[in-house]
């Protein structure tokens, strides 16, 4: 069972478990991209969500998709109808509340591929609200050693 560590610039860290049985290709692509850092911002459309661009080398297929996320879920999103375009935006998002995934185009299906450990959900909510109020901050994703 592979695990990742999500660390925000103010010092909070959240371990998460990859759901390789439900989204194997997405998990593998994310795992191979680690470690990386990005600027995380708050979602405009999907409520209690922070997200950041994802530097993948190959786009995963649709797997374990939903438009209804739960607190602590980590998802992969891209503009699926434009996936044949050369510069398609790819994003990872962390939900700090249950939400309906949408954009200005309507429902936006996402690949759910990881879950933040349940003992960190209250702290995750505080970090999400801080980013909502402050605009953005740096996040680093690394492999978590056993």
C-alpha atoms as a PDB file:
ATOM      1  CA  UNK A   1       0.000   0.000   0.000  1.00  0.00           C
ATOM      2  CA  UNK A   2       1.613   3.229  -1.190  1.00  0.00           C
ATOM      3  CA  UNK A   3       1.282   6.416   0.823  1.00  0.00           C
ATOM      4  CA  UNK A   4       2.069  10.047   0.131  1.00  0.00           C
ATOM      5  CA  UNK A   5       2.740  13.058   2.325  1.00  0.00           C
ATOM      6  CA  UNK A   6       1.186  16.432   1.519  1.00  0.00           C
ATOM      7  CA  UNK A   7       3.039  19.309   3.207  1.00  0.00           C
ATOM      8  CA  UNK A   8       1.849  22.911   3.193  1.00  0.00           C
ATOM      9  CA  UNK A   9       4.267  25.818   3.537  1.00  0.00           C
ATOM     10  CA  UNK A  10       2.932  26.756   7.003  1.00  0.00           C
ATOM     11  CA  UNK A  11       4.134  23.359   8.267  1.00  0.00           C
ATOM     12  CA  UNK A  12       1.042  21.148   8.280  1.00  0.00           C
ATOM     13  CA  UNK A  13       1.500  17.683   6.797  1.00  0.00           C
ATOM     14  CA  UNK A  14      -1.144  15.134   5.878  1.00  0.00           C
ATOM     15  CA  UNK A  15      -0.457  11.485   5.071  1.00  0.00           C
ATOM     16  CA  UNK A  16      -2.714   9.923   2.465  1.00  0.00           C
ATOM     17  CA  UNK A  17      -3.184   6.417   1.104  1.00  0.00           C
ATOM     18  CA  UNK A  18      -3.290   5.761  -2.630  1.00  0.00           C
ATOM     19  CA  UNK A  19      -6.333   3.742  -3.721  1.00  0.00           C
ATOM     20  CA  UNK A  20      -4.458   1.542  -6.164  1.00  0.00           C
ATOM     21  CA  UNK A  21      -7.271  -1.016  -6.299  1.00  0.00           C
ATOM     22  CA  UNK A  22      -9.744   1.636  -7.550  1.00  0.00           C
ATOM     23  CA  UNK A  23      -7.524   3.936  -9.660  1.00  0.00           C
ATOM     24  CA  UNK A  24      -4.321   2.028 -10.503  1.00  0.00           C
ATOM     25  CA  UNK A  25      -3.239   4.084 -13.492  1.00  0.00           C
ATOM     26  CA  UNK A  26      -3.830   7.443 -11.807  1.00  0.00           C
ATOM     27  CA  UNK A  27      -1.976   6.259  -8.694  1.00  0.00           C
ATOM     28  CA  UNK A  28       0.987   5.058 -10.759  1.00  0.00           C
ATOM     29  CA  UNK A  29       1.263   8.310 -12.727  1.00  0.00           C
ATOM     30  CA  UNK A  30       1.106  10.396  -9.541  1.00  0.00           C
ATOM     31  CA  UNK A  31       3.631   8.128  -7.788  1.00  0.00           C
ATOM     32  CA  UNK A  32       6.093   8.413 -10.682  1.00  0.00           C
ATOM     33  CA  UNK A  33       5.842  12.246 -10.631  1.00  0.00           C
ATOM     34  CA  UNK A  34       6.864  12.501  -6.958  1.00  0.00           C
ATOM     35  CA  UNK A  35       8.270  14.572  -5.415  1.00  0.00           C
ATOM     36  CA  UNK A  36       6.954  17.880  -6.700  1.00  0.00           C
ATOM     37  CA  UNK A  37       5.919  21.289  -5.385  1.00  0.00           C
ATOM     38  CA  UNK A  38       3.254  23.637  -6.672  1.00  0.00           C
ATOM     39  CA  UNK A  39       1.220  26.639  -5.620  1.00  0.00           C
ATOM     40  CA  UNK A  40      -2.139  25.569  -4.261  1.00  0.00           C
ATOM     41  CA  UNK A  41      -5.190  27.799  -4.664  1.00  0.00           C
ATOM     42  CA  UNK A  42      -8.804  27.558  -3.627  1.00  0.00           C
ATOM     43  CA  UNK A  43     -11.440  26.333  -6.051  1.00  0.00           C
ATOM     44  CA  UNK A  44     -13.829  28.838  -7.495  1.00  0.00           C
ATOM     45  CA  UNK A  45     -16.486  26.351  -8.567  1.00  0.00           C
ATOM     46  CA  UNK A  46     -16.401  23.212  -6.433  1.00  0.00           C
ATOM     47  CA  UNK A  47     -16.629  24.645  -2.927  1.00  0.00           C
ATOM     48  CA  UNK A  48     -14.354  23.266  -0.222  1.00  0.00           C
ATOM     49  CA  UNK A  49     -11.491  22.274  -2.495  1.00  0.00           C
ATOM     50  CA  UNK A  50      -7.882  23.345  -2.884  1.00  0.00           C
ATOM     51  CA  UNK A  51      -6.107  22.464  -6.109  1.00  0.00           C
ATOM     52  CA  UNK A  52      -2.846  22.778  -7.980  1.00  0.00           C
ATOM     53  CA  UNK A  53      -1.452  22.013 -11.418  1.00  0.00           C
ATOM     54  CA  UNK A  54      -0.078  18.515 -11.815  1.00  0.00           C
ATOM     55  CA  UNK A  55       3.074  17.910 -13.885  1.00  0.00           C
ATOM     56  CA  UNK A  56       2.318  14.459 -15.337  1.00  0.00           C
ATOM     57  CA  UNK A  57       4.129  12.857 -18.248  1.00  0.00           C
ATOM     58  CA  UNK A  58       1.116  10.831 -19.388  1.00  0.00           C
ATOM     59  CA  UNK A  59      -2.565  11.396 -18.757  1.00  0.00           C
ATOM     60  CA  UNK A  60      -4.400   8.636 -16.891  1.00  0.00           C
ATOM     61  CA  UNK A  61      -7.616   7.174 -18.215  1.00  0.00           C
ATOM     62  CA  UNK A  62     -10.974   7.770 -16.571  1.00  0.00           C
ATOM     63  CA  UNK A  63     -11.169   5.538 -13.499  1.00  0.00           C
ATOM     64  CA  UNK A  64     -12.993   5.609 -10.179  1.00  0.00           C
ATOM     65  CA  UNK A  65     -14.793   8.745 -11.347  1.00  0.00           C
ATOM     66  CA  UNK A  66     -17.366  10.718  -9.444  1.00  0.00           C
ATOM     67  CA  UNK A  67     -18.945  14.152  -9.308  1.00  0.00           C
ATOM     68  CA  UNK A  68     -19.655  13.813  -5.562  1.00  0.00           C
ATOM     69  CA  UNK A  69     -16.544  13.960  -3.400  1.00  0.00           C
ATOM     70  CA  UNK A  70     -16.047  13.421   0.318  1.00  0.00           C
ATOM     71  CA  UNK A  71     -13.821  15.167   2.833  1.00  0.00           C
ATOM     72  CA  UNK A  72     -10.176  14.152   2.531  1.00  0.00           C
ATOM     73  CA  UNK A  73     -10.445  12.730  -0.982  1.00  0.00           C
ATOM     74  CA  UNK A  74      -7.662  13.571  -3.400  1.00  0.00           C
ATOM     75  CA  UNK A  75      -8.625  13.642  -7.048  1.00  0.00           C
ATOM     76  CA  UNK A  76      -7.169  14.064 -10.515  1.00  0.00           C
ATOM     77  CA  UNK A  77      -8.974  16.284 -13.025  1.00  0.00           C
ATOM     78  CA  UNK A  78      -8.402  17.432 -16.564  1.00  0.00           C
ATOM     79  CA  UNK A  79     -10.615  18.899 -19.246  1.00  0.00           C
ATOM     80  CA  UNK A  80     -11.598  15.461 -20.580  1.00  0.00           C
ATOM     81  CA  UNK A  81     -13.190  16.726 -23.840  1.00  0.00           C
ATOM     82  CA  UNK A  82      -9.900  18.468 -24.722  1.00  0.00           C
ATOM     83  CA  UNK A  83      -7.588  15.576 -23.862  1.00  0.00           C
ATOM     84  CA  UNK A  84      -6.284  15.364 -27.440  1.00  0.00           C
ATOM     85  CA  UNK A  85      -5.008  18.970 -27.221  1.00  0.00           C
ATOM     86  CA  UNK A  86      -1.251  19.334 -26.624  1.00  0.00           C
ATOM     87  CA  UNK A  87      -1.461  21.562 -23.519  1.00  0.00           C
ATOM     88  CA  UNK A  88      -4.380  20.200 -21.520  1.00  0.00           C
ATOM     89  CA  UNK A  89      -4.443  21.473 -17.945  1.00  0.00           C
ATOM     90  CA  UNK A  90      -4.121  18.687 -15.381  1.00  0.00           C
ATOM     91  CA  UNK A  91      -4.941  19.308 -11.733  1.00  0.00           C
ATOM     92  CA  UNK A  92      -4.850  17.494  -8.413  1.00  0.00           C
ATOM     93  CA  UNK A  93      -7.392  18.615  -5.836  1.00  0.00           C
ATOM     94  CA  UNK A  94      -7.865  17.946  -2.142  1.00  0.00           C
ATOM     95  CA  UNK A  95     -11.380  18.222  -0.719  1.00  0.00           C
ATOM     96  CA  UNK A  96     -11.796  19.504   2.822  1.00  0.00           C
ATOM     97  CA  UNK A  97     -15.555  19.055   2.665  1.00  0.00           C
ATOM     98  CA  UNK A  98     -18.086  16.984   0.756  1.00  0.00           C
ATOM     99  CA  UNK A  99     -18.798  18.686  -2.572  1.00  0.00           C
ATOM    100  CA  UNK A 100     -20.257  18.355  -6.046  1.00  0.00           C
ATOM    101  CA  UNK A 101     -17.465  18.669  -8.643  1.00  0.00           C
ATOM    102  CA  UNK A 102     -18.360  21.264 -11.221  1.00  0.00           C
ATOM    103  CA  UNK A 103     -17.087  24.200 -13.242  1.00  0.00           C
ATOM    104  CA  UNK A 104     -18.593  26.907 -15.397  1.00  0.00           C
ATOM    105  CA  UNK A 105     -19.307  24.099 -17.909  1.00  0.00           C
ATOM    106  CA  UNK A 106     -21.386  22.045 -15.460  1.00  0.00           C
ATOM    107  CA  UNK A 107     -20.554  18.712 -13.821  1.00  0.00           C
ATOM    108  CA  UNK A 108     -16.867  17.785 -13.956  1.00  0.00           C
ATOM    109  CA  UNK A 109     -16.047  14.123 -13.298  1.00  0.00           C
ATOM    110  CA  UNK A 110     -12.809  13.467 -11.392  1.00  0.00           C
ATOM    111  CA  UNK A 111     -10.649  10.405 -10.704  1.00  0.00           C
ATOM    112  CA  UNK A 112     -10.597   9.745  -6.949  1.00  0.00           C
ATOM    113  CA  UNK A 113      -7.200   8.181  -6.255  1.00  0.00           C
ATOM    114  CA  UNK A 114      -6.247   8.839  -2.607  1.00  0.00           C
ATOM    115  CA  UNK A 115      -7.650   9.548   0.854  1.00  0.00           C
ATOM    116  CA  UNK A 116      -6.135  11.744   3.574  1.00  0.00           C
ATOM    117  CA  UNK A 117      -5.897   9.830   6.858  1.00  0.00           C
ATOM    118  CA  UNK A 118      -9.089  10.391   8.832  1.00  0.00           C
ATOM    119  CA  UNK A 119      -7.283  11.623  11.969  1.00  0.00           C
ATOM    120  CA  UNK A 120      -6.127  14.708  10.002  1.00  0.00           C
ATOM    121  CA  UNK A 121      -9.481  15.837   8.600  1.00  0.00           C
ATOM    122  CA  UNK A 122     -10.107  18.615  11.169  1.00  0.00           C
ATOM    123  CA  UNK A 123      -6.661  20.076  10.509  1.00  0.00           C
ATOM    124  CA  UNK A 124      -7.190  19.716   6.743  1.00  0.00           C
ATOM    125  CA  UNK A 125     -10.376  21.759   7.060  1.00  0.00           C
ATOM    126  CA  UNK A 126      -8.460  24.544   8.855  1.00  0.00           C
ATOM    127  CA  UNK A 127      -5.786  24.584   6.137  1.00  0.00           C
ATOM    128  CA  UNK A 128      -8.440  24.698   3.394  1.00  0.00           C
ATOM    129  CA  UNK A 129     -10.177  27.625   5.059  1.00  0.00           C
ATOM    130  CA  UNK A 130      -6.844  29.443   5.467  1.00  0.00           C
ATOM    131  CA  UNK A 131      -6.100  29.064   1.755  1.00  0.00           C
ATOM    132  CA  UNK A 132      -9.635  30.256   0.954  1.00  0.00           C
ATOM    133  CA  UNK A 133      -9.015  33.409   3.030  1.00  0.00           C
ATOM    134  CA  UNK A 134      -5.387  34.045   2.005  1.00  0.00           C
ATOM    135  CA  UNK A 135      -5.491  33.046  -1.679  1.00  0.00           C
ATOM    136  CA  UNK A 136      -2.648  30.575  -2.120  1.00  0.00           C
ATOM    137  CA  UNK A 137       0.396  28.896  -0.657  1.00  0.00           C
ATOM    138  CA  UNK A 138       3.025  26.349  -1.585  1.00  0.00           C
ATOM    139  CA  UNK A 139       2.391  22.611  -1.265  1.00  0.00           C
ATOM    140  CA  UNK A 140       4.859  19.741  -1.637  1.00  0.00           C
ATOM    141  CA  UNK A 141       3.885  16.122  -2.320  1.00  0.00           C
ATOM    142  CA  UNK A 142       6.387  13.369  -1.506  1.00  0.00           C
ATOM    143  CA  UNK A 143       6.469   9.612  -1.122  1.00  0.00           C
ATOM    144  CA  UNK A 144       5.865   8.518   2.451  1.00  0.00           C
ATOM    145  CA  UNK A 145       8.315   5.928   3.685  1.00  0.00           C
ATOM    146  CA  UNK A 146       7.007   3.070   5.826  1.00  0.00           C
END
